[in-house]
């Protein structure tokens, strides 16, 4: 949080992961998380720096902390690799339809699209952050907004507060 060290905090979240796990089972859901973790690690190794951080918060949430100079390339590669590889985890008939049927949070049958990835990013070179809670608040806002799109994308806090 030292103002001399600027960083980008990225929250990576899977969209429709719960529906996928409900439809395909816990083991297949775990396979997705392992694949995503491996993919993120490879991207950090290829496009990041030794001091970049990758963590698994829990469930389908991961975090990357890196330099603001590298964040756009890293986020773009995550989306590219995710969108290319996610199809391998679905049955052909579900891919052909473009959706799965599972239960929503109210235990009612619902249609869910093929999984996508949403990335929320806060850059401390643009936004003054004095404590971790401020990052959490901003990330939560950005994540909610990112999830309103039916595709993989990253959303960056573009408000300049410096």
N, C-alpha and C. Protein backbone atom coordinates (compact mmCIF):
# COMPACT_ATOMS: atom_id res chain seq x y z
N UNK A 1 0.83 -1.19 0.00
CA UNK A 1 0.00 0.00 0.00
C UNK A 1 0.87 1.26 0.00
N UNK A 2 2.17 1.07 0.06
CA UNK A 2 3.11 2.18 0.02
C UNK A 2 2.91 2.95 -1.29
N UNK A 3 2.71 4.26 -1.20
CA UNK A 3 2.41 5.05 -2.41
C UNK A 3 3.53 5.06 -3.44
N UNK A 4 4.73 4.66 -3.06
CA UNK A 4 5.82 4.63 -4.03
C UNK A 4 5.76 3.37 -4.89
N UNK A 5 5.03 2.36 -4.46
CA UNK A 5 4.90 1.11 -5.22
C UNK A 5 3.51 1.03 -5.84
N UNK A 6 3.43 1.32 -7.10
CA UNK A 6 2.15 1.26 -7.81
C UNK A 6 1.91 -0.18 -8.26
N UNK A 7 0.65 -0.62 -8.16
CA UNK A 7 0.32 -1.98 -8.58
C UNK A 7 -1.09 -2.04 -9.11
N UNK A 8 -1.36 -3.13 -9.82
CA UNK A 8 -2.71 -3.44 -10.30
C UNK A 8 -3.19 -4.66 -9.54
N UNK A 9 -4.41 -4.55 -9.01
CA UNK A 9 -5.04 -5.66 -8.29
C UNK A 9 -6.15 -6.18 -9.19
N UNK A 10 -6.05 -7.45 -9.57
CA UNK A 10 -7.01 -8.06 -10.51
C UNK A 10 -7.76 -9.19 -9.81
N UNK A 11 -9.07 -9.12 -9.84
CA UNK A 11 -9.91 -10.22 -9.35
C UNK A 11 -10.46 -10.95 -10.55
N UNK A 12 -10.17 -12.25 -10.63
CA UNK A 12 -10.61 -13.08 -11.74
C UNK A 12 -11.75 -13.96 -11.23
N UNK A 13 -12.89 -13.90 -11.90
CA UNK A 13 -14.08 -14.62 -11.45
C UNK A 13 -14.74 -15.31 -12.64
N UNK A 14 -15.18 -16.55 -12.43
CA UNK A 14 -15.85 -17.29 -13.49
C UNK A 14 -17.35 -17.03 -13.45
N UNK A 15 -17.92 -16.80 -14.60
CA UNK A 15 -19.36 -16.59 -14.74
C UNK A 15 -20.01 -17.92 -15.12
N UNK A 16 -21.07 -18.28 -14.43
CA UNK A 16 -21.82 -19.52 -14.63
C UNK A 16 -21.08 -20.76 -14.14
N UNK A 17 -20.12 -20.57 -13.24
CA UNK A 17 -19.38 -21.71 -12.70
C UNK A 17 -20.27 -22.62 -11.85
N UNK A 18 -21.10 -22.04 -11.01
CA UNK A 18 -21.98 -22.85 -10.15
C UNK A 18 -22.91 -23.72 -10.99
N UNK A 19 -23.49 -23.12 -12.02
CA UNK A 19 -24.37 -23.88 -12.91
C UNK A 19 -23.62 -25.03 -13.58
N UNK A 20 -22.39 -24.75 -14.01
CA UNK A 20 -21.56 -25.79 -14.63
C UNK A 20 -21.32 -26.93 -13.64
N UNK A 21 -20.92 -26.60 -12.42
CA UNK A 21 -20.64 -27.63 -11.41
C UNK A 21 -21.89 -28.42 -11.04
N UNK A 22 -23.03 -27.74 -11.00
CA UNK A 22 -24.28 -28.44 -10.73
C UNK A 22 -24.63 -29.40 -11.86
N UNK A 23 -24.38 -28.99 -13.08
CA UNK A 23 -24.72 -29.81 -14.25
C UNK A 23 -23.73 -30.97 -14.45
N UNK A 24 -22.43 -30.69 -14.32
CA UNK A 24 -21.40 -31.68 -14.63
C UNK A 24 -20.82 -32.39 -13.41
N UNK A 25 -21.04 -31.85 -12.23
CA UNK A 25 -20.55 -32.48 -11.01
C UNK A 25 -19.33 -31.79 -10.42
N UNK A 26 -19.12 -32.06 -9.14
CA UNK A 26 -18.05 -31.43 -8.37
C UNK A 26 -16.67 -31.70 -8.96
N UNK A 27 -16.44 -32.92 -9.40
CA UNK A 27 -15.13 -33.30 -9.94
C UNK A 27 -14.79 -32.48 -11.19
N UNK A 28 -15.77 -32.32 -12.08
CA UNK A 28 -15.54 -31.52 -13.29
C UNK A 28 -15.34 -30.05 -12.94
N UNK A 29 -16.06 -29.56 -11.92
CA UNK A 29 -15.86 -28.20 -11.45
C UNK A 29 -14.44 -28.01 -10.92
N UNK A 30 -13.95 -29.00 -10.19
CA UNK A 30 -12.57 -28.95 -9.68
C UNK A 30 -11.57 -28.96 -10.82
N UNK A 31 -11.88 -29.73 -11.87
CA UNK A 31 -11.00 -29.75 -13.05
C UNK A 31 -10.89 -28.36 -13.68
N UNK A 32 -12.01 -27.64 -13.73
CA UNK A 32 -12.01 -26.28 -14.28
C UNK A 32 -11.10 -25.39 -13.45
N UNK A 33 -11.22 -25.46 -12.13
CA UNK A 33 -10.40 -24.61 -11.25
C UNK A 33 -8.92 -24.94 -11.39
N UNK A 34 -8.59 -26.21 -11.50
CA UNK A 34 -7.18 -26.62 -11.69
C UNK A 34 -6.68 -26.10 -13.02
N UNK A 35 -7.48 -26.28 -14.07
CA UNK A 35 -7.08 -25.80 -15.40
C UNK A 35 -6.89 -24.28 -15.38
N UNK A 36 -7.82 -23.55 -14.77
CA UNK A 36 -7.70 -22.10 -14.71
C UNK A 36 -6.45 -21.69 -13.93
N UNK A 37 -6.22 -22.33 -12.78
CA UNK A 37 -5.02 -22.02 -11.99
C UNK A 37 -3.75 -22.25 -12.79
N UNK A 38 -3.68 -23.37 -13.49
CA UNK A 38 -2.51 -23.67 -14.33
C UNK A 38 -2.36 -22.65 -15.45
N UNK A 39 -3.47 -22.26 -16.06
CA UNK A 39 -3.46 -21.27 -17.14
C UNK A 39 -2.97 -19.92 -16.62
N UNK A 40 -3.47 -19.50 -15.47
CA UNK A 40 -3.05 -18.22 -14.89
C UNK A 40 -1.56 -18.24 -14.55
N UNK A 41 -1.09 -19.35 -14.00
CA UNK A 41 0.33 -19.46 -13.65
C UNK A 41 1.20 -19.36 -14.90
N UNK A 42 0.79 -20.03 -15.96
CA UNK A 42 1.57 -19.96 -17.21
C UNK A 42 1.59 -18.53 -17.75
N UNK A 43 0.46 -17.85 -17.70
CA UNK A 43 0.40 -16.47 -18.20
C UNK A 43 1.28 -15.55 -17.36
N UNK A 44 1.25 -15.70 -16.05
CA UNK A 44 2.09 -14.88 -15.18
C UNK A 44 3.56 -15.17 -15.46
N UNK A 45 3.90 -16.44 -15.66
CA UNK A 45 5.29 -16.79 -15.98
C UNK A 45 5.73 -16.22 -17.31
N UNK A 46 4.82 -16.21 -18.30
CA UNK A 46 5.16 -15.75 -19.65
C UNK A 46 5.12 -14.22 -19.80
N UNK A 47 4.20 -13.56 -19.12
CA UNK A 47 3.97 -12.13 -19.35
C UNK A 47 4.17 -11.26 -18.10
N UNK A 48 4.38 -11.89 -16.98
CA UNK A 48 4.54 -11.15 -15.74
C UNK A 48 6.00 -10.96 -15.38
N UNK A 49 6.23 -10.69 -14.11
CA UNK A 49 7.57 -10.50 -13.57
C UNK A 49 7.69 -11.35 -12.31
N UNK A 50 8.92 -11.60 -11.86
CA UNK A 50 9.10 -12.46 -10.68
C UNK A 50 8.38 -11.98 -9.42
N UNK A 51 8.14 -10.68 -9.30
CA UNK A 51 7.48 -10.19 -8.09
C UNK A 51 5.96 -10.12 -8.22
N UNK A 52 5.39 -10.56 -9.35
CA UNK A 52 3.94 -10.61 -9.50
C UNK A 52 3.38 -11.71 -8.59
N UNK A 53 2.14 -11.53 -8.17
CA UNK A 53 1.52 -12.47 -7.24
C UNK A 53 0.27 -13.07 -7.86
N UNK A 54 0.12 -14.38 -7.71
CA UNK A 54 -1.08 -15.10 -8.13
C UNK A 54 -1.60 -15.85 -6.92
N UNK A 55 -2.88 -15.69 -6.63
CA UNK A 55 -3.48 -16.39 -5.50
C UNK A 55 -4.86 -16.91 -5.83
N UNK A 56 -5.26 -17.96 -5.11
CA UNK A 56 -6.60 -18.51 -5.22
C UNK A 56 -7.33 -18.14 -3.94
N UNK A 57 -8.28 -17.22 -4.04
CA UNK A 57 -9.01 -16.74 -2.87
C UNK A 57 -9.91 -17.83 -2.34
N UNK A 58 -10.50 -18.60 -3.24
CA UNK A 58 -11.43 -19.67 -2.88
C UNK A 58 -12.49 -19.77 -3.95
N UNK A 59 -13.14 -20.92 -4.02
CA UNK A 59 -14.17 -21.12 -5.03
C UNK A 59 -13.61 -20.85 -6.41
N UNK A 60 -14.31 -20.02 -7.17
CA UNK A 60 -13.87 -19.70 -8.53
C UNK A 60 -13.22 -18.32 -8.61
N UNK A 61 -12.71 -17.81 -7.50
CA UNK A 61 -12.08 -16.48 -7.46
C UNK A 61 -10.57 -16.59 -7.30
N UNK A 62 -9.87 -15.90 -8.21
CA UNK A 62 -8.41 -15.83 -8.17
C UNK A 62 -8.02 -14.36 -8.14
N UNK A 63 -6.79 -14.07 -7.71
CA UNK A 63 -6.30 -12.71 -7.68
C UNK A 63 -4.90 -12.67 -8.28
N UNK A 64 -4.63 -11.60 -9.00
CA UNK A 64 -3.28 -11.33 -9.51
C UNK A 64 -2.93 -9.91 -9.09
N UNK A 65 -1.72 -9.74 -8.59
CA UNK A 65 -1.20 -8.41 -8.31
C UNK A 65 0.06 -8.26 -9.16
N UNK A 66 0.06 -7.23 -10.00
CA UNK A 66 1.16 -7.03 -10.93
C UNK A 66 1.38 -5.54 -11.17
N UNK A 67 2.31 -5.23 -12.00
CA UNK A 67 2.60 -3.84 -12.35
C UNK A 67 1.52 -3.31 -13.30
N UNK A 68 1.13 -2.03 -13.15
CA UNK A 68 0.17 -1.44 -14.09
C UNK A 68 0.63 -1.51 -15.55
N UNK A 69 1.93 -1.54 -15.77
CA UNK A 69 2.45 -1.61 -17.14
C UNK A 69 2.16 -2.95 -17.80
N UNK A 70 1.96 -4.00 -17.00
CA UNK A 70 1.75 -5.35 -17.54
C UNK A 70 0.29 -5.80 -17.50
N UNK A 71 -0.55 -5.07 -16.79
CA UNK A 71 -1.89 -5.58 -16.49
C UNK A 71 -2.75 -5.80 -17.74
N UNK A 72 -2.71 -4.91 -18.71
CA UNK A 72 -3.58 -5.09 -19.88
C UNK A 72 -3.18 -6.32 -20.68
N UNK A 73 -1.90 -6.54 -20.86
CA UNK A 73 -1.43 -7.72 -21.60
C UNK A 73 -1.82 -8.99 -20.86
N UNK A 74 -1.64 -9.00 -19.53
CA UNK A 74 -1.98 -10.18 -18.73
C UNK A 74 -3.48 -10.46 -18.81
N UNK A 75 -4.31 -9.44 -18.63
CA UNK A 75 -5.77 -9.64 -18.69
C UNK A 75 -6.21 -10.09 -20.07
N UNK A 76 -5.64 -9.52 -21.11
CA UNK A 76 -5.99 -9.93 -22.48
C UNK A 76 -5.63 -11.39 -22.73
N UNK A 77 -4.47 -11.82 -22.25
CA UNK A 77 -4.05 -13.21 -22.43
C UNK A 77 -4.94 -14.16 -21.64
N UNK A 78 -5.37 -13.76 -20.44
CA UNK A 78 -6.27 -14.61 -19.65
C UNK A 78 -7.55 -14.85 -20.43
N UNK A 79 -8.13 -13.79 -20.95
CA UNK A 79 -9.38 -13.92 -21.70
C UNK A 79 -9.18 -14.77 -22.95
N UNK A 80 -8.11 -14.52 -23.67
CA UNK A 80 -7.83 -15.28 -24.89
C UNK A 80 -7.69 -16.78 -24.59
N UNK A 81 -6.89 -17.11 -23.59
CA UNK A 81 -6.67 -18.51 -23.25
C UNK A 81 -7.91 -19.17 -22.66
N UNK A 82 -8.64 -18.43 -21.84
CA UNK A 82 -9.86 -18.98 -21.25
C UNK A 82 -10.90 -19.27 -22.33
N UNK A 83 -11.16 -18.28 -23.17
CA UNK A 83 -12.18 -18.44 -24.21
C UNK A 83 -11.82 -19.54 -25.20
N UNK A 84 -10.53 -19.75 -25.42
CA UNK A 84 -10.08 -20.80 -26.33
C UNK A 84 -10.20 -22.19 -25.68
N UNK A 85 -9.93 -22.28 -24.39
CA UNK A 85 -9.86 -23.58 -23.73
C UNK A 85 -11.12 -24.06 -23.05
N UNK A 86 -12.05 -23.18 -22.75
CA UNK A 86 -13.23 -23.58 -21.97
C UNK A 86 -14.11 -24.59 -22.71
N UNK A 87 -14.12 -24.53 -24.02
CA UNK A 87 -14.97 -25.43 -24.80
C UNK A 87 -14.60 -26.90 -24.60
N UNK A 88 -13.34 -27.16 -24.27
CA UNK A 88 -12.89 -28.54 -24.03
C UNK A 88 -13.55 -29.16 -22.81
N UNK A 89 -14.19 -28.36 -21.99
CA UNK A 89 -14.76 -28.84 -20.73
C UNK A 89 -16.28 -29.08 -20.81
N UNK A 90 -16.84 -28.88 -21.98
CA UNK A 90 -18.28 -29.07 -22.17
C UNK A 90 -18.56 -30.25 -23.08
N UNK A 91 -19.72 -30.85 -22.90
CA UNK A 91 -20.18 -31.92 -23.79
C UNK A 91 -20.56 -31.29 -25.14
N UNK A 92 -20.34 -32.02 -26.24
CA UNK A 92 -20.65 -31.47 -27.57
C UNK A 92 -22.09 -30.97 -27.73
N UNK A 93 -23.05 -31.69 -27.14
CA UNK A 93 -24.45 -31.25 -27.30
C UNK A 93 -24.71 -29.92 -26.60
N UNK A 94 -24.03 -29.66 -25.48
CA UNK A 94 -24.19 -28.38 -24.80
C UNK A 94 -23.52 -27.26 -25.59
N UNK A 95 -22.38 -27.56 -26.18
CA UNK A 95 -21.70 -26.56 -27.02
C UNK A 95 -22.54 -26.22 -28.24
N UNK A 96 -23.16 -27.23 -28.82
CA UNK A 96 -23.99 -27.00 -30.00
C UNK A 96 -25.16 -26.07 -29.67
N UNK A 97 -25.79 -26.29 -28.51
CA UNK A 97 -26.89 -25.43 -28.05
C UNK A 97 -26.38 -24.06 -27.64
N UNK A 98 -25.15 -24.01 -27.09
CA UNK A 98 -24.61 -22.75 -26.60
C UNK A 98 -25.01 -22.43 -25.18
N UNK A 99 -25.59 -23.40 -24.49
CA UNK A 99 -26.00 -23.19 -23.10
C UNK A 99 -26.20 -24.54 -22.42
N UNK A 100 -26.35 -24.48 -21.10
CA UNK A 100 -26.72 -25.65 -20.32
C UNK A 100 -27.97 -25.30 -19.52
N UNK A 101 -28.67 -26.32 -19.10
CA UNK A 101 -29.81 -26.12 -18.21
C UNK A 101 -29.39 -26.64 -16.85
N UNK A 102 -29.54 -25.79 -15.87
CA UNK A 102 -29.18 -26.14 -14.49
C UNK A 102 -30.20 -25.45 -13.59
N UNK A 103 -29.96 -25.44 -12.30
CA UNK A 103 -30.88 -24.77 -11.37
C UNK A 103 -30.26 -23.45 -10.92
N UNK A 104 -31.11 -22.44 -10.78
CA UNK A 104 -30.63 -21.15 -10.31
C UNK A 104 -30.54 -21.15 -8.79
N UNK A 105 -30.25 -20.01 -8.21
CA UNK A 105 -30.07 -19.92 -6.75
C UNK A 105 -31.37 -20.13 -5.97
N UNK A 106 -32.49 -20.15 -6.69
CA UNK A 106 -33.79 -20.43 -6.07
C UNK A 106 -34.26 -21.86 -6.36
N UNK A 107 -33.33 -22.71 -6.82
CA UNK A 107 -33.61 -24.11 -7.15
C UNK A 107 -34.65 -24.27 -8.26
N UNK A 108 -34.69 -23.32 -9.16
CA UNK A 108 -35.59 -23.40 -10.31
C UNK A 108 -34.74 -23.64 -11.56
N UNK A 109 -35.24 -24.47 -12.50
CA UNK A 109 -34.49 -24.70 -13.74
C UNK A 109 -34.28 -23.37 -14.49
N UNK A 110 -33.07 -23.22 -15.04
CA UNK A 110 -32.74 -22.00 -15.76
C UNK A 110 -31.70 -22.32 -16.84
N UNK A 111 -31.59 -21.41 -17.80
CA UNK A 111 -30.62 -21.54 -18.88
C UNK A 111 -29.39 -20.70 -18.53
N UNK A 112 -28.21 -21.30 -18.70
CA UNK A 112 -26.95 -20.62 -18.41
C UNK A 112 -26.04 -20.76 -19.63
N UNK A 113 -25.46 -19.65 -20.04
CA UNK A 113 -24.54 -19.67 -21.18
C UNK A 113 -23.26 -20.40 -20.85
N UNK A 114 -22.47 -20.64 -21.88
CA UNK A 114 -21.15 -21.23 -21.71
C UNK A 114 -20.34 -20.29 -20.80
N UNK A 115 -19.55 -20.88 -19.92
CA UNK A 115 -18.79 -20.11 -18.94
C UNK A 115 -17.91 -19.04 -19.58
N UNK A 116 -17.85 -17.89 -18.94
CA UNK A 116 -16.97 -16.79 -19.33
C UNK A 116 -16.17 -16.37 -18.10
N UNK A 117 -15.22 -15.47 -18.31
CA UNK A 117 -14.40 -14.98 -17.20
C UNK A 117 -14.54 -13.46 -17.12
N UNK A 118 -14.74 -12.98 -15.90
CA UNK A 118 -14.80 -11.53 -15.64
C UNK A 118 -13.61 -11.15 -14.79
N UNK A 119 -12.92 -10.09 -15.18
CA UNK A 119 -11.75 -9.62 -14.44
C UNK A 119 -11.99 -8.16 -14.06
N UNK A 120 -11.92 -7.89 -12.76
CA UNK A 120 -12.05 -6.52 -12.25
C UNK A 120 -10.66 -6.05 -11.84
N UNK A 121 -10.29 -4.83 -12.25
CA UNK A 121 -8.93 -4.33 -12.03
C UNK A 121 -8.95 -2.95 -11.38
N UNK A 122 -8.18 -2.81 -10.32
CA UNK A 122 -7.93 -1.50 -9.70
C UNK A 122 -6.44 -1.23 -9.83
N UNK A 123 -6.12 -0.07 -10.40
CA UNK A 123 -4.73 0.36 -10.58
C UNK A 123 -4.41 1.47 -9.59
N UNK A 124 -3.41 1.25 -8.75
CA UNK A 124 -3.07 2.28 -7.76
C UNK A 124 -2.27 3.42 -8.37
N UNK A 125 -1.90 3.32 -9.64
CA UNK A 125 -1.26 4.47 -10.28
C UNK A 125 -2.31 5.50 -10.69
N UNK A 126 -3.58 5.11 -10.69
CA UNK A 126 -4.68 6.02 -11.04
C UNK A 126 -5.54 6.35 -9.83
N UNK A 127 -5.70 5.39 -8.94
CA UNK A 127 -6.63 5.52 -7.83
C UNK A 127 -5.87 5.50 -6.51
N UNK A 128 -6.06 6.51 -5.70
CA UNK A 128 -5.44 6.56 -4.39
C UNK A 128 -6.12 5.55 -3.48
N UNK A 129 -5.35 4.65 -2.93
CA UNK A 129 -5.86 3.62 -2.04
C UNK A 129 -5.02 3.64 -0.77
N UNK A 130 -5.70 3.81 0.36
CA UNK A 130 -4.98 3.90 1.62
C UNK A 130 -5.03 2.62 2.44
N UNK A 131 -6.03 1.78 2.19
CA UNK A 131 -6.15 0.54 2.95
C UNK A 131 -6.82 -0.53 2.09
N UNK A 132 -6.59 -1.80 2.43
CA UNK A 132 -7.12 -2.90 1.61
C UNK A 132 -8.64 -2.86 1.42
N UNK A 133 -9.35 -2.39 2.41
CA UNK A 133 -10.82 -2.34 2.31
C UNK A 133 -11.26 -1.49 1.12
N UNK A 134 -10.51 -0.44 0.81
CA UNK A 134 -10.86 0.41 -0.33
C UNK A 134 -10.73 -0.36 -1.65
N UNK A 135 -9.71 -1.18 -1.76
CA UNK A 135 -9.56 -2.01 -2.97
C UNK A 135 -10.73 -2.98 -3.06
N UNK A 136 -11.07 -3.61 -1.95
CA UNK A 136 -12.17 -4.58 -1.94
C UNK A 136 -13.48 -3.94 -2.38
N UNK A 137 -13.75 -2.73 -1.92
CA UNK A 137 -14.98 -2.03 -2.29
C UNK A 137 -15.00 -1.74 -3.79
N UNK A 138 -13.90 -1.21 -4.31
CA UNK A 138 -13.83 -0.87 -5.74
C UNK A 138 -13.90 -2.13 -6.61
N UNK A 139 -13.21 -3.19 -6.19
CA UNK A 139 -13.22 -4.44 -6.95
C UNK A 139 -14.63 -5.03 -7.00
N UNK A 140 -15.34 -4.98 -5.87
CA UNK A 140 -16.71 -5.52 -5.84
C UNK A 140 -17.61 -4.79 -6.82
N UNK A 141 -17.49 -3.46 -6.89
CA UNK A 141 -18.28 -2.66 -7.84
C UNK A 141 -17.97 -3.07 -9.28
N UNK A 142 -16.68 -3.14 -9.59
CA UNK A 142 -16.26 -3.47 -10.95
C UNK A 142 -16.68 -4.88 -11.34
N UNK A 143 -16.57 -5.82 -10.41
CA UNK A 143 -16.96 -7.20 -10.69
C UNK A 143 -18.46 -7.29 -11.01
N UNK A 144 -19.27 -6.60 -10.23
CA UNK A 144 -20.72 -6.60 -10.49
C UNK A 144 -21.01 -6.06 -11.89
N UNK A 145 -20.33 -4.99 -12.25
CA UNK A 145 -20.53 -4.40 -13.58
C UNK A 145 -20.07 -5.37 -14.67
N UNK A 146 -18.90 -5.97 -14.49
CA UNK A 146 -18.35 -6.90 -15.49
C UNK A 146 -19.30 -8.06 -15.74
N UNK A 147 -19.96 -8.53 -14.71
CA UNK A 147 -20.85 -9.68 -14.83
C UNK A 147 -22.15 -9.36 -15.58
N UNK A 148 -22.39 -8.09 -15.87
CA UNK A 148 -23.59 -7.74 -16.64
C UNK A 148 -23.41 -8.01 -18.13
N UNK A 149 -22.19 -8.29 -18.56
CA UNK A 149 -21.90 -8.58 -19.96
C UNK A 149 -21.89 -10.09 -20.15
N UNK A 150 -22.39 -10.57 -21.26
CA UNK A 150 -22.44 -12.01 -21.53
C UNK A 150 -21.22 -12.45 -22.33
N UNK A 151 -20.05 -11.99 -21.93
CA UNK A 151 -18.81 -12.39 -22.59
C UNK A 151 -17.66 -12.19 -21.62
N UNK A 152 -16.52 -12.78 -21.95
CA UNK A 152 -15.33 -12.60 -21.14
C UNK A 152 -14.78 -11.20 -21.36
N UNK A 153 -14.43 -10.53 -20.28
CA UNK A 153 -13.84 -9.20 -20.40
C UNK A 153 -13.17 -8.79 -19.11
N UNK A 154 -12.36 -7.73 -19.22
CA UNK A 154 -11.82 -7.13 -18.01
C UNK A 154 -12.28 -5.69 -17.95
N UNK A 155 -12.57 -5.25 -16.74
CA UNK A 155 -13.04 -3.89 -16.47
C UNK A 155 -12.02 -3.24 -15.55
N UNK A 156 -11.54 -2.08 -15.97
CA UNK A 156 -10.57 -1.35 -15.18
C UNK A 156 -11.20 -0.10 -14.60
N UNK A 157 -10.87 0.20 -13.36
CA UNK A 157 -11.33 1.44 -12.75
C UNK A 157 -10.60 2.58 -13.44
N UNK A 158 -11.33 3.34 -14.24
CA UNK A 158 -10.70 4.41 -15.03
C UNK A 158 -10.82 5.78 -14.36
N UNK A 159 -11.51 5.81 -13.23
CA UNK A 159 -11.62 7.09 -12.52
C UNK A 159 -10.25 7.49 -11.99
N UNK A 160 -9.87 8.70 -12.29
CA UNK A 160 -8.56 9.16 -11.81
C UNK A 160 -8.77 9.90 -10.51
N UNK A 161 -8.23 9.33 -9.43
CA UNK A 161 -8.34 9.93 -8.13
C UNK A 161 -6.94 10.05 -7.55
N UNK A 162 -6.12 10.86 -8.15
CA UNK A 162 -4.74 11.09 -7.70
C UNK A 162 -4.44 12.54 -7.81
